[in-house]
Amino acid sequence: MIAMAAEIKRGRKFDQVLEGARQIFMRDGFEGASVDDIARAAGVSKATLYSYFPDKRILFSEVARVECNRQAEEALQVMAPDMSLEDVLKEAATRIVSFFLSEFGLQVYRICVSESYRFPELGQRFYDSGPALLRNRLQQVLQPYLDSGDLVIDDMELASAQFGELCKSDLFVRCLCGVECDKSEVQIERVVNGAVEMFLARYAAKTSR
């Protein structure tokens, strides 16, 4: 597949192609996923697959975008308005850390880093569907607590980005590098609690601490 700048074309079998690609990418990874296997899983011809996605990188980025959106919407649905600030942050952090440590999440990050230099438009797509989406959704989640005075934040965009980065410490980097990659519930909880405590120490109103 070539032509990185090609537009994504939508059609009757678009969702079918995406679902087939998601299955194969999750099973075989980006490099191991073949066009033949993706077309077979999607129940379409290779010609149909190419007509929608002339490049495998674009297909992978679209699968990533859809998956990130799906998980973000699921997270928003379970966060009730009456939840405490700490509970909301823990729920958000648990979902963020779990995604970062998933094979799919790690693959997305690796592909973005390795390909964005050669294909800036791909890097932009990954950024929009990953870090930017996370930051925007976190702002939605945190805004009510800012309005109620539980949080004191001058720069919401920065604070949201910081929370996402805290969720990467340091288990994500270990797993990314294949160093002592212990993704047990205990280790995930350790990262989650650390991220929440650090965030609250910086941004919680003094009366809420």
N, C-alpha and C. Protein backbone atom coordinates (compact mmCIF):
# COMPACT_ATOMS: atom_id res chain seq x y z
N MET A 1 0.84 -1.20 0.00
CA MET A 1 0.00 0.00 0.00
C MET A 1 0.88 1.25 0.00
N ILE A 2 0.50 2.27 -0.78
CA ILE A 2 1.28 3.49 -0.88
C ILE A 2 0.36 4.69 -0.79
N ALA A 3 0.88 5.86 -1.17
CA ALA A 3 0.08 7.09 -1.22
C ALA A 3 -0.46 7.48 0.14
N MET A 4 0.46 7.88 1.03
CA MET A 4 0.08 8.22 2.40
C MET A 4 -0.90 9.38 2.47
N ALA A 5 -0.82 10.30 1.51
CA ALA A 5 -1.66 11.50 1.60
C ALA A 5 -3.07 11.28 1.05
N ALA A 6 -3.34 10.06 0.59
CA ALA A 6 -4.65 9.81 -0.02
C ALA A 6 -5.78 9.98 1.00
N GLU A 7 -6.90 10.48 0.51
CA GLU A 7 -8.06 10.66 1.36
C GLU A 7 -8.70 9.32 1.66
N ILE A 8 -9.23 9.19 2.87
CA ILE A 8 -10.00 8.00 3.20
C ILE A 8 -11.35 8.09 2.51
N LYS A 9 -11.70 7.04 1.79
CA LYS A 9 -12.97 7.01 1.08
C LYS A 9 -13.96 6.13 1.84
N ARG A 10 -15.13 6.65 2.10
CA ARG A 10 -16.15 5.89 2.82
C ARG A 10 -17.15 5.29 1.84
N GLY A 11 -17.71 4.16 2.24
CA GLY A 11 -18.67 3.49 1.40
C GLY A 11 -19.44 2.46 2.19
N ARG A 12 -20.20 1.64 1.50
CA ARG A 12 -21.11 0.68 2.14
C ARG A 12 -20.37 -0.32 3.03
N LYS A 13 -19.16 -0.70 2.67
CA LYS A 13 -18.43 -1.71 3.42
C LYS A 13 -17.31 -1.13 4.27
N PHE A 14 -17.36 0.17 4.50
CA PHE A 14 -16.31 0.85 5.26
C PHE A 14 -16.16 0.26 6.67
N ASP A 15 -17.28 0.19 7.40
CA ASP A 15 -17.23 -0.34 8.77
C ASP A 15 -16.81 -1.80 8.79
N GLN A 16 -17.21 -2.53 7.78
CA GLN A 16 -16.85 -3.94 7.65
C GLN A 16 -15.33 -4.09 7.52
N VAL A 17 -14.74 -3.22 6.72
CA VAL A 17 -13.28 -3.24 6.53
C VAL A 17 -12.58 -2.88 7.83
N LEU A 18 -13.08 -1.87 8.53
CA LEU A 18 -12.46 -1.46 9.79
C LEU A 18 -12.49 -2.57 10.82
N GLU A 19 -13.62 -3.27 10.93
CA GLU A 19 -13.73 -4.35 11.91
C GLU A 19 -12.78 -5.49 11.58
N GLY A 20 -12.69 -5.84 10.31
CA GLY A 20 -11.76 -6.88 9.91
C GLY A 20 -10.32 -6.48 10.20
N ALA A 21 -9.99 -5.21 9.92
CA ALA A 21 -8.64 -4.72 10.18
C ALA A 21 -8.34 -4.72 11.68
N ARG A 22 -9.32 -4.31 12.48
CA ARG A 22 -9.11 -4.30 13.93
C ARG A 22 -8.79 -5.70 14.44
N GLN A 23 -9.50 -6.70 13.96
CA GLN A 23 -9.25 -8.08 14.39
C GLN A 23 -7.83 -8.52 14.06
N ILE A 24 -7.40 -8.22 12.86
CA ILE A 24 -6.07 -8.68 12.42
C ILE A 24 -4.96 -7.88 13.10
N PHE A 25 -5.14 -6.57 13.22
CA PHE A 25 -4.12 -5.77 13.90
C PHE A 25 -3.97 -6.21 15.36
N MET A 26 -5.07 -6.49 16.01
CA MET A 26 -5.02 -6.93 17.40
C MET A 26 -4.36 -8.31 17.51
N ARG A 27 -4.58 -9.14 16.52
CA ARG A 27 -4.02 -10.49 16.54
C ARG A 27 -2.55 -10.54 16.14
N ASP A 28 -2.21 -9.80 15.07
CA ASP A 28 -0.88 -9.94 14.47
C ASP A 28 0.02 -8.72 14.61
N GLY A 29 -0.53 -7.61 15.12
CA GLY A 29 0.26 -6.40 15.18
C GLY A 29 0.29 -5.71 13.83
N PHE A 30 0.90 -4.55 13.80
CA PHE A 30 0.93 -3.77 12.55
C PHE A 30 1.78 -4.43 11.49
N GLU A 31 3.00 -4.77 11.85
CA GLU A 31 3.93 -5.34 10.88
C GLU A 31 3.47 -6.71 10.42
N GLY A 32 2.89 -7.50 11.32
CA GLY A 32 2.50 -8.86 10.97
C GLY A 32 1.19 -8.95 10.22
N ALA A 33 0.41 -7.89 10.23
CA ALA A 33 -0.89 -7.90 9.57
C ALA A 33 -0.72 -7.82 8.06
N SER A 34 -1.25 -8.79 7.34
CA SER A 34 -1.16 -8.78 5.89
C SER A 34 -2.46 -8.27 5.28
N VAL A 35 -2.34 -7.70 4.11
CA VAL A 35 -3.52 -7.21 3.40
C VAL A 35 -4.48 -8.36 3.09
N ASP A 36 -3.92 -9.51 2.75
CA ASP A 36 -4.76 -10.67 2.45
C ASP A 36 -5.59 -11.07 3.66
N ASP A 37 -4.95 -11.11 4.84
CA ASP A 37 -5.67 -11.51 6.05
C ASP A 37 -6.74 -10.48 6.42
N ILE A 38 -6.41 -9.20 6.26
CA ILE A 38 -7.38 -8.15 6.59
C ILE A 38 -8.59 -8.25 5.67
N ALA A 39 -8.34 -8.42 4.37
CA ALA A 39 -9.44 -8.54 3.41
C ALA A 39 -10.29 -9.76 3.72
N ARG A 40 -9.64 -10.87 4.09
CA ARG A 40 -10.37 -12.10 4.40
C ARG A 40 -11.23 -11.92 5.65
N ALA A 41 -10.67 -11.31 6.68
CA ALA A 41 -11.41 -11.09 7.92
C ALA A 41 -12.58 -10.13 7.70
N ALA A 42 -12.40 -9.19 6.80
CA ALA A 42 -13.44 -8.20 6.53
C ALA A 42 -14.50 -8.72 5.56
N GLY A 43 -14.19 -9.82 4.88
CA GLY A 43 -15.12 -10.37 3.92
C GLY A 43 -15.24 -9.53 2.66
N VAL A 44 -14.11 -8.92 2.27
CA VAL A 44 -14.11 -8.09 1.06
C VAL A 44 -12.92 -8.49 0.20
N SER A 45 -12.93 -8.03 -1.03
CA SER A 45 -11.80 -8.28 -1.92
C SER A 45 -10.67 -7.29 -1.60
N LYS A 46 -9.46 -7.63 -2.05
CA LYS A 46 -8.35 -6.71 -1.86
C LYS A 46 -8.59 -5.41 -2.60
N ALA A 47 -9.26 -5.50 -3.74
CA ALA A 47 -9.56 -4.30 -4.51
C ALA A 47 -10.47 -3.36 -3.72
N THR A 48 -11.45 -3.94 -3.02
CA THR A 48 -12.35 -3.12 -2.20
C THR A 48 -11.57 -2.49 -1.05
N LEU A 49 -10.71 -3.28 -0.42
CA LEU A 49 -9.89 -2.77 0.68
C LEU A 49 -9.03 -1.60 0.22
N TYR A 50 -8.36 -1.75 -0.92
CA TYR A 50 -7.52 -0.69 -1.46
C TYR A 50 -8.33 0.55 -1.83
N SER A 51 -9.57 0.34 -2.24
CA SER A 51 -10.38 1.49 -2.64
C SER A 51 -10.70 2.38 -1.45
N TYR A 52 -10.77 1.79 -0.26
CA TYR A 52 -11.02 2.57 0.95
C TYR A 52 -9.72 3.09 1.57
N PHE A 53 -8.73 2.21 1.61
CA PHE A 53 -7.47 2.55 2.29
C PHE A 53 -6.29 2.13 1.42
N PRO A 54 -5.72 3.06 0.65
CA PRO A 54 -4.59 2.72 -0.21
C PRO A 54 -3.28 2.52 0.54
N ASP A 55 -3.28 2.74 1.85
CA ASP A 55 -2.06 2.55 2.64
C ASP A 55 -2.41 1.92 3.98
N LYS A 56 -1.65 0.92 4.38
CA LYS A 56 -1.92 0.19 5.62
C LYS A 56 -1.77 1.09 6.84
N ARG A 57 -0.89 2.08 6.76
CA ARG A 57 -0.71 2.99 7.89
C ARG A 57 -1.97 3.82 8.13
N ILE A 58 -2.59 4.27 7.03
CA ILE A 58 -3.82 5.05 7.16
C ILE A 58 -4.92 4.17 7.76
N LEU A 59 -4.99 2.93 7.31
CA LEU A 59 -5.98 2.00 7.85
C LEU A 59 -5.77 1.80 9.34
N PHE A 60 -4.52 1.61 9.75
CA PHE A 60 -4.23 1.41 11.17
C PHE A 60 -4.58 2.66 11.97
N SER A 61 -4.29 3.84 11.43
CA SER A 61 -4.58 5.07 12.15
C SER A 61 -6.09 5.27 12.30
N GLU A 62 -6.86 4.84 11.30
CA GLU A 62 -8.31 4.96 11.40
C GLU A 62 -8.88 3.97 12.42
N VAL A 63 -8.33 2.77 12.45
CA VAL A 63 -8.73 1.80 13.47
C VAL A 63 -8.41 2.36 14.86
N ALA A 64 -7.24 2.97 15.00
CA ALA A 64 -6.85 3.56 16.28
C ALA A 64 -7.78 4.69 16.66
N ARG A 65 -8.15 5.54 15.70
CA ARG A 65 -9.04 6.66 15.98
C ARG A 65 -10.40 6.17 16.49
N VAL A 66 -10.94 5.19 15.80
CA VAL A 66 -12.25 4.65 16.18
C VAL A 66 -12.19 4.01 17.56
N GLU A 67 -11.12 3.25 17.81
CA GLU A 67 -10.99 2.57 19.11
C GLU A 67 -10.81 3.57 20.24
N CYS A 68 -10.00 4.60 20.03
CA CYS A 68 -9.80 5.62 21.05
C CYS A 68 -11.10 6.36 21.36
N ASN A 69 -11.85 6.68 20.32
CA ASN A 69 -13.14 7.34 20.52
C ASN A 69 -14.11 6.44 21.27
N ARG A 70 -14.13 5.16 20.92
CA ARG A 70 -15.03 4.23 21.59
C ARG A 70 -14.73 4.14 23.08
N GLN A 71 -13.44 4.01 23.41
CA GLN A 71 -13.08 3.89 24.81
C GLN A 71 -13.34 5.19 25.57
N ALA A 72 -13.12 6.31 24.92
CA ALA A 72 -13.37 7.60 25.57
C ALA A 72 -14.85 7.78 25.87
N GLU A 73 -15.71 7.40 24.93
CA GLU A 73 -17.15 7.53 25.15
C GLU A 73 -17.63 6.59 26.23
N GLU A 74 -17.07 5.38 26.29
CA GLU A 74 -17.43 4.43 27.34
C GLU A 74 -17.06 4.99 28.71
N ALA A 75 -15.89 5.61 28.79
CA ALA A 75 -15.43 6.17 30.05
C ALA A 75 -16.36 7.30 30.52
N LEU A 76 -16.77 8.16 29.59
CA LEU A 76 -17.65 9.27 29.94
C LEU A 76 -19.00 8.76 30.44
N GLN A 77 -19.47 7.66 29.89
CA GLN A 77 -20.78 7.13 30.26
C GLN A 77 -20.82 6.59 31.68
N VAL A 78 -19.69 6.07 32.18
CA VAL A 78 -19.69 5.48 33.53
C VAL A 78 -19.34 6.49 34.61
N MET A 79 -18.94 7.70 34.22
CA MET A 79 -18.59 8.72 35.20
C MET A 79 -19.82 9.55 35.56
N ALA A 80 -20.46 9.18 36.66
CA ALA A 80 -21.68 9.86 37.09
C ALA A 80 -21.37 11.23 37.66
N PRO A 81 -22.30 12.18 37.50
CA PRO A 81 -22.08 13.56 37.99
C PRO A 81 -21.86 13.64 39.50
N ASP A 82 -22.39 12.64 40.25
CA ASP A 82 -22.28 12.71 41.71
C ASP A 82 -21.04 12.01 42.25
N MET A 83 -20.16 11.55 41.37
CA MET A 83 -18.93 10.90 41.84
C MET A 83 -17.99 11.93 42.43
N SER A 84 -17.24 11.52 43.44
CA SER A 84 -16.26 12.42 44.04
C SER A 84 -15.14 12.67 43.05
N LEU A 85 -14.42 13.76 43.25
CA LEU A 85 -13.31 14.11 42.37
C LEU A 85 -12.27 12.99 42.36
N GLU A 86 -11.93 12.46 43.51
CA GLU A 86 -10.92 11.40 43.58
C GLU A 86 -11.37 10.15 42.84
N ASP A 87 -12.65 9.79 42.99
CA ASP A 87 -13.17 8.60 42.31
C ASP A 87 -13.16 8.79 40.80
N VAL A 88 -13.51 9.97 40.34
CA VAL A 88 -13.50 10.25 38.90
C VAL A 88 -12.09 10.16 38.34
N LEU A 89 -11.14 10.73 39.06
CA LEU A 89 -9.75 10.70 38.61
C LEU A 89 -9.22 9.26 38.59
N LYS A 90 -9.60 8.46 39.57
CA LYS A 90 -9.13 7.07 39.62
C LYS A 90 -9.73 6.26 38.47
N GLU A 91 -11.01 6.51 38.19
CA GLU A 91 -11.66 5.80 37.08
C GLU A 91 -10.99 6.19 35.76
N ALA A 92 -10.76 7.48 35.58
CA ALA A 92 -10.12 7.95 34.36
C ALA A 92 -8.70 7.39 34.23
N ALA A 93 -7.95 7.44 35.31
CA ALA A 93 -6.56 6.98 35.28
C ALA A 93 -6.48 5.48 35.01
N THR A 94 -7.38 4.72 35.61
CA THR A 94 -7.38 3.27 35.40
C THR A 94 -7.60 2.93 33.94
N ARG A 95 -8.53 3.63 33.31
CA ARG A 95 -8.81 3.38 31.90
C ARG A 95 -7.65 3.84 31.02
N ILE A 96 -7.06 4.96 31.35
CA ILE A 96 -5.95 5.48 30.56
C ILE A 96 -4.74 4.56 30.65
N VAL A 97 -4.40 4.17 31.87
CA VAL A 97 -3.24 3.29 32.07
C VAL A 97 -3.47 1.94 31.38
N SER A 98 -4.66 1.40 31.52
CA SER A 98 -4.96 0.10 30.91
C SER A 98 -4.84 0.17 29.39
N PHE A 99 -5.27 1.28 28.80
CA PHE A 99 -5.14 1.42 27.35
C PHE A 99 -3.68 1.58 26.95
N PHE A 100 -2.96 2.41 27.65
CA PHE A 100 -1.54 2.59 27.34
C PHE A 100 -0.79 1.27 27.36
N LEU A 101 -1.14 0.39 28.31
CA LEU A 101 -0.41 -0.87 28.49
C LEU A 101 -0.93 -2.00 27.63
N SER A 102 -2.06 -1.80 26.95
CA SER A 102 -2.60 -2.84 26.08
C SER A 102 -1.69 -3.00 24.87
N GLU A 103 -1.72 -4.17 24.26
CA GLU A 103 -0.89 -4.40 23.08
C GLU A 103 -1.26 -3.40 21.97
N PHE A 104 -2.54 -3.11 21.86
CA PHE A 104 -2.99 -2.16 20.85
C PHE A 104 -2.44 -0.76 21.15
N GLY A 105 -2.55 -0.34 22.41
CA GLY A 105 -2.06 0.98 22.79
C GLY A 105 -0.57 1.12 22.56
N LEU A 106 0.19 0.10 22.89
CA LEU A 106 1.64 0.14 22.68
C LEU A 106 1.96 0.18 21.20
N GLN A 107 1.20 -0.57 20.39
CA GLN A 107 1.42 -0.56 18.95
C GLN A 107 1.15 0.81 18.35
N VAL A 108 0.07 1.43 18.79
CA VAL A 108 -0.27 2.76 18.29
C VAL A 108 0.87 3.73 18.55
N TYR A 109 1.41 3.69 19.75
CA TYR A 109 2.48 4.60 20.12
C TYR A 109 3.73 4.32 19.28
N ARG A 110 4.07 3.05 19.12
CA ARG A 110 5.27 2.69 18.35
C ARG A 110 5.15 3.15 16.90
N ILE A 111 3.99 2.91 16.30
CA ILE A 111 3.80 3.28 14.91
C ILE A 111 3.85 4.79 14.74
N CYS A 112 3.24 5.51 15.66
CA CYS A 112 3.24 6.97 15.60
C CYS A 112 4.66 7.50 15.64
N VAL A 113 5.44 7.01 16.58
CA VAL A 113 6.82 7.49 16.73
C VAL A 113 7.67 7.12 15.53
N SER A 114 7.51 5.91 15.03
CA SER A 114 8.39 5.44 13.95
C SER A 114 8.03 6.01 12.59
N GLU A 115 6.76 6.35 12.38
CA GLU A 115 6.33 6.76 11.04
C GLU A 115 6.06 8.25 10.88
N SER A 116 5.85 8.97 11.97
CA SER A 116 5.42 10.37 11.85
C SER A 116 6.48 11.27 11.23
N TYR A 117 7.75 10.92 11.37
CA TYR A 117 8.80 11.75 10.77
C TYR A 117 8.71 11.71 9.25
N ARG A 118 8.50 10.50 8.71
CA ARG A 118 8.40 10.36 7.26
C ARG A 118 7.04 10.79 6.74
N PHE A 119 6.02 10.62 7.55
CA PHE A 119 4.65 10.91 7.12
C PHE A 119 3.98 11.81 8.15
N PRO A 120 4.23 13.12 8.10
CA PRO A 120 3.68 14.05 9.09
C PRO A 120 2.16 14.00 9.21
N GLU A 121 1.47 13.75 8.09
CA GLU A 121 0.01 13.70 8.16
C GLU A 121 -0.47 12.52 8.99
N LEU A 122 0.29 11.44 8.98
CA LEU A 122 -0.05 10.29 9.82
C LEU A 122 0.16 10.65 11.29
N GLY A 123 1.26 11.35 11.57
CA GLY A 123 1.51 11.79 12.94
C GLY A 123 0.40 12.69 13.44
N GLN A 124 -0.10 13.56 12.58
CA GLN A 124 -1.20 14.45 12.96
C GLN A 124 -2.46 13.65 13.27
N ARG A 125 -2.74 12.63 12.46
CA ARG A 125 -3.91 11.80 12.70
C ARG A 125 -3.81 11.08 14.04
N PHE A 126 -2.65 10.53 14.34
CA PHE A 126 -2.45 9.84 15.61
C PHE A 126 -2.57 10.81 16.79
N TYR A 127 -2.01 12.00 16.61
CA TYR A 127 -2.07 12.98 17.70
C TYR A 127 -3.52 13.40 17.96
N ASP A 128 -4.27 13.65 16.89
CA ASP A 128 -5.66 14.08 17.05
C ASP A 128 -6.52 13.01 17.71
N SER A 129 -6.26 11.75 17.37
CA SER A 129 -7.09 10.67 17.91
C SER A 129 -6.54 10.11 19.22
N GLY A 130 -5.34 10.56 19.63
CA GLY A 130 -4.75 10.07 20.86
C GLY A 130 -4.60 11.16 21.91
N PRO A 131 -3.44 11.80 21.98
CA PRO A 131 -3.21 12.83 23.01
C PRO A 131 -4.22 13.96 23.01
N ALA A 132 -4.58 14.46 21.83
CA ALA A 132 -5.53 15.57 21.78
C ALA A 132 -6.92 15.14 22.24
N LEU A 133 -7.33 13.95 21.83
CA LEU A 133 -8.63 13.42 22.25
C LEU A 133 -8.65 13.22 23.76
N LEU A 134 -7.60 12.63 24.30
CA LEU A 134 -7.51 12.41 25.74
C LEU A 134 -7.58 13.73 26.50
N ARG A 135 -6.84 14.71 26.03
CA ARG A 135 -6.85 16.02 26.69
C ARG A 135 -8.24 16.65 26.66
N ASN A 136 -8.90 16.58 25.52
CA ASN A 136 -10.23 17.18 25.40
C ASN A 136 -11.26 16.48 26.27
N ARG A 137 -11.21 15.16 26.31
CA ARG A 137 -12.17 14.41 27.13
C ARG A 137 -11.92 14.66 28.61
N LEU A 138 -10.67 14.76 29.00
CA LEU A 138 -10.35 15.04 30.41
C LEU A 138 -10.86 16.42 30.81
N GLN A 139 -10.76 17.36 29.91
CA GLN A 139 -11.27 18.70 30.21
C GLN A 139 -12.77 18.65 30.46
N GLN A 140 -13.49 17.84 29.69
CA GLN A 140 -14.92 17.67 29.90
C GLN A 140 -15.19 17.09 31.29
N VAL A 141 -14.40 16.11 31.66
CA VAL A 141 -14.59 15.43 32.95
C VAL A 141 -14.28 16.36 34.11
N LEU A 142 -13.24 17.16 33.97
CA LEU A 142 -12.76 17.98 35.08
C LEU A 142 -13.50 19.31 35.23
N GLN A 143 -14.12 19.79 34.16
CA GLN A 143 -14.75 21.11 34.20
C GLN A 143 -15.77 21.27 35.33
N PRO A 144 -16.66 20.29 35.60
CA PRO A 144 -17.61 20.47 36.70
C PRO A 144 -16.94 20.66 38.06
N TYR A 145 -15.79 20.02 38.26
CA TYR A 145 -15.08 20.15 39.53
C TYR A 145 -14.33 21.47 39.62
N LEU A 146 -14.00 22.01 38.46
CA LEU A 146 -13.43 23.35 38.42
C LEU A 146 -14.52 24.37 38.75
N ASP A 147 -15.70 24.17 38.18
CA ASP A 147 -16.82 25.07 38.42
C ASP A 147 -17.28 25.05 39.88
N SER A 148 -17.19 23.88 40.51
CA SER A 148 -17.64 23.75 41.91
C SER A 148 -16.60 24.23 42.91
N GLY A 149 -15.38 24.49 42.42
CA GLY A 149 -14.33 24.96 43.32
C GLY A 149 -13.48 23.86 43.92
N ASP A 150 -13.74 22.60 43.54
CA ASP A 150 -12.92 21.49 44.05
C ASP A 150 -11.52 21.50 43.44
N LEU A 151 -11.43 22.06 42.24
CA LEU A 151 -10.15 22.18 41.56
C LEU A 151 -9.84 23.65 41.31
N VAL A 152 -8.56 23.98 41.37
CA VAL A 152 -8.10 25.33 41.05
C VAL A 152 -7.07 25.19 39.93
N ILE A 153 -7.49 25.47 38.70
CA ILE A 153 -6.64 25.27 37.53
C ILE A 153 -6.71 26.51 36.64
N ASP A 154 -5.56 27.10 36.39
CA ASP A 154 -5.49 28.27 35.51
C ASP A 154 -5.39 27.85 34.04
N ASP A 155 -4.69 26.76 33.79
CA ASP A 155 -4.49 26.29 32.42
C ASP A 155 -5.02 24.86 32.31
N MET A 156 -6.29 24.72 31.94
CA MET A 156 -6.92 23.41 31.90
C MET A 156 -6.28 22.50 30.85
N GLU A 157 -5.88 23.08 29.74
CA GLU A 157 -5.26 22.29 28.67
C GLU A 157 -3.96 21.66 29.17
N LEU A 158 -3.15 22.44 29.86
CA LEU A 158 -1.90 21.91 30.40
C LEU A 158 -2.16 20.87 31.48
N ALA A 159 -3.09 21.16 32.38
CA ALA A 159 -3.38 20.24 33.48
C ALA A 159 -3.88 18.90 32.95
N SER A 160 -4.72 18.92 31.94
CA SER A 160 -5.24 17.69 31.35
C SER A 160 -4.11 16.88 30.71
N ALA A 161 -3.23 17.57 30.01
CA ALA A 161 -2.10 16.90 29.38
C ALA A 161 -1.18 16.30 30.45
N GLN A 162 -0.98 17.02 31.55
CA GLN A 162 -0.12 16.53 32.63
C GLN A 162 -0.68 15.25 33.25
N PHE A 163 -2.01 15.21 33.42
CA PHE A 163 -2.62 14.02 34.00
C PHE A 163 -2.39 12.80 33.10
N GLY A 164 -2.53 13.00 31.79
CA GLY A 164 -2.28 11.90 30.87
C GLY A 164 -0.84 11.42 30.94
N GLU A 165 0.10 12.35 31.08
CA GLU A 165 1.51 11.96 31.17
C GLU A 165 1.80 11.25 32.49
N LEU A 166 1.16 11.67 33.57
CA LEU A 166 1.34 10.99 34.85
C LEU A 166 0.92 9.53 34.77
N CYS A 167 -0.05 9.25 33.94
CA CYS A 167 -0.54 7.88 33.79
C CYS A 167 0.45 6.99 33.03
N LYS A 168 1.49 7.57 32.49
CA LYS A 168 2.52 6.79 31.80
C LYS A 168 3.69 6.43 32.71
N SER A 169 3.71 6.96 33.91
CA SER A 169 4.87 6.79 34.79
C SER A 169 4.73 5.55 35.67
N ASP A 170 5.79 4.74 35.70
CA ASP A 170 6.79 4.59 34.65
C ASP A 170 6.62 3.26 33.95
N LEU A 171 5.49 2.65 34.24
CA LEU A 171 5.21 1.31 33.72
C LEU A 171 5.09 1.30 32.20
N PHE A 172 4.52 2.35 31.65
CA PHE A 172 4.35 2.43 30.19
C PHE A 172 5.70 2.37 29.48
N VAL A 173 6.64 3.14 29.97
CA VAL A 173 7.96 3.18 29.32
C VAL A 173 8.65 1.83 29.47
N ARG A 174 8.50 1.18 30.62
CA ARG A 174 9.09 -0.15 30.82
C ARG A 174 8.53 -1.15 29.81
N CYS A 175 7.21 -1.13 29.66
CA CYS A 175 6.58 -2.06 28.72
C CYS A 175 6.95 -1.73 27.29
N LEU A 176 7.05 -0.45 26.99
CA LEU A 176 7.42 -0.02 25.64
C LEU A 176 8.82 -0.52 25.29
N CYS A 177 9.70 -0.53 26.27
CA CYS A 177 11.08 -0.95 26.05
C CYS A 177 11.30 -2.43 26.36
N GLY A 178 10.24 -3.12 26.81
CA GLY A 178 10.38 -4.54 27.14
C GLY A 178 11.19 -4.79 28.39
N VAL A 179 11.17 -3.83 29.32
CA VAL A 179 11.95 -3.96 30.56
C VAL A 179 11.01 -4.16 31.75
N GLU A 180 11.06 -5.35 32.36
CA GLU A 180 10.25 -5.63 33.54
C GLU A 180 8.80 -5.17 33.36
N CYS A 181 8.17 -5.67 32.32
CA CYS A 181 6.82 -5.22 31.98
C CYS A 181 5.77 -6.00 32.78
N ASP A 182 5.59 -5.60 34.03
CA ASP A 182 4.62 -6.23 34.92
C ASP A 182 3.31 -5.45 34.86
N LYS A 183 2.33 -5.99 34.12
CA LYS A 183 1.06 -5.29 33.94
C LYS A 183 -0.02 -5.84 34.88
N SER A 184 0.39 -6.27 36.05
CA SER A 184 -0.55 -6.82 37.02
C SER A 184 -1.44 -5.72 37.58
N GLU A 185 -2.55 -6.10 38.17
CA GLU A 185 -3.46 -5.13 38.77
C GLU A 185 -2.78 -4.32 39.85
N VAL A 186 -1.87 -4.96 40.58
CA VAL A 186 -1.15 -4.27 41.64
C VAL A 186 -0.31 -3.13 41.07
N GLN A 187 0.39 -3.41 39.98
CA GLN A 187 1.25 -2.39 39.38
C GLN A 187 0.43 -1.28 38.73
N ILE A 188 -0.68 -1.65 38.10
CA ILE A 188 -1.56 -0.64 37.50
C ILE A 188 -2.13 0.26 38.58
N GLU A 189 -2.55 -0.33 39.69
CA GLU A 189 -3.09 0.46 40.80
C GLU A 189 -2.03 1.40 41.37
N ARG A 190 -0.82 0.95 41.41
CA ARG A 190 0.29 1.79 41.89
C ARG A 190 0.44 3.03 41.04
N VAL A 191 0.40 2.86 39.71
CA VAL A 191 0.52 3.99 38.80
C VAL A 191 -0.69 4.91 38.92
N VAL A 192 -1.88 4.31 39.00
CA VAL A 192 -3.12 5.09 39.10
C VAL A 192 -3.12 5.95 40.35
N ASN A 193 -2.82 5.34 41.48
CA ASN A 193 -2.82 6.09 42.75
C ASN A 193 -1.78 7.20 42.74
N GLY A 194 -0.62 6.90 42.17
CA GLY A 194 0.42 7.92 42.11
C GLY A 194 0.01 9.10 41.24
N ALA A 195 -0.63 8.82 40.11
CA ALA A 195 -1.07 9.89 39.21
C ALA A 195 -2.14 10.75 39.88
N VAL A 196 -3.10 10.12 40.53
CA VAL A 196 -4.18 10.86 41.17
C VAL A 196 -3.65 11.70 42.33
N GLU A 197 -2.81 11.12 43.15
CA GLU A 197 -2.27 11.85 44.30
C GLU A 197 -1.44 13.05 43.85
N MET A 198 -0.64 12.87 42.82
CA MET A 198 0.20 13.96 42.31
C MET A 198 -0.68 15.07 41.74
N PHE A 199 -1.69 14.69 40.97
CA PHE A 199 -2.57 15.68 40.35
C PHE A 199 -3.33 16.48 41.43
N LEU A 200 -3.85 15.79 42.42
CA LEU A 200 -4.60 16.47 43.47
C LEU A 200 -3.69 17.37 44.32
N ALA A 201 -2.45 16.92 44.53
CA ALA A 201 -1.51 17.73 45.30
C ALA A 201 -1.26 19.07 44.62
N ARG A 202 -1.32 19.06 43.31
CA ARG A 202 -1.07 20.29 42.55
C ARG A 202 -2.33 21.12 42.34
N TYR A 203 -3.46 20.47 42.06
CA TYR A 203 -4.61 21.22 41.59
C TYR A 203 -5.85 21.20 42.49
N ALA A 204 -5.89 20.36 43.50
CA ALA A 204 -7.07 20.35 44.37
C ALA A 204 -7.12 21.60 45.21
N ALA A 205 -8.34 22.15 45.40
CA ALA A 205 -8.48 23.31 46.28
C ALA A 205 -8.07 22.92 47.69
N LYS A 206 -7.50 23.86 48.41
CA LYS A 206 -6.97 23.55 49.73
C LYS A 206 -8.02 22.95 50.64
N THR A 207 -9.26 23.39 50.53
CA THR A 207 -10.33 22.88 51.39
C THR A 207 -10.73 21.47 51.01
N SER A 208 -10.30 21.00 49.81
CA SER A 208 -10.66 19.65 49.35
C SER A 208 -9.59 18.64 49.68
N ARG A 209 -8.42 19.11 50.12
CA ARG A 209 -7.29 18.18 50.34
C ARG A 209 -7.42 17.51 51.70
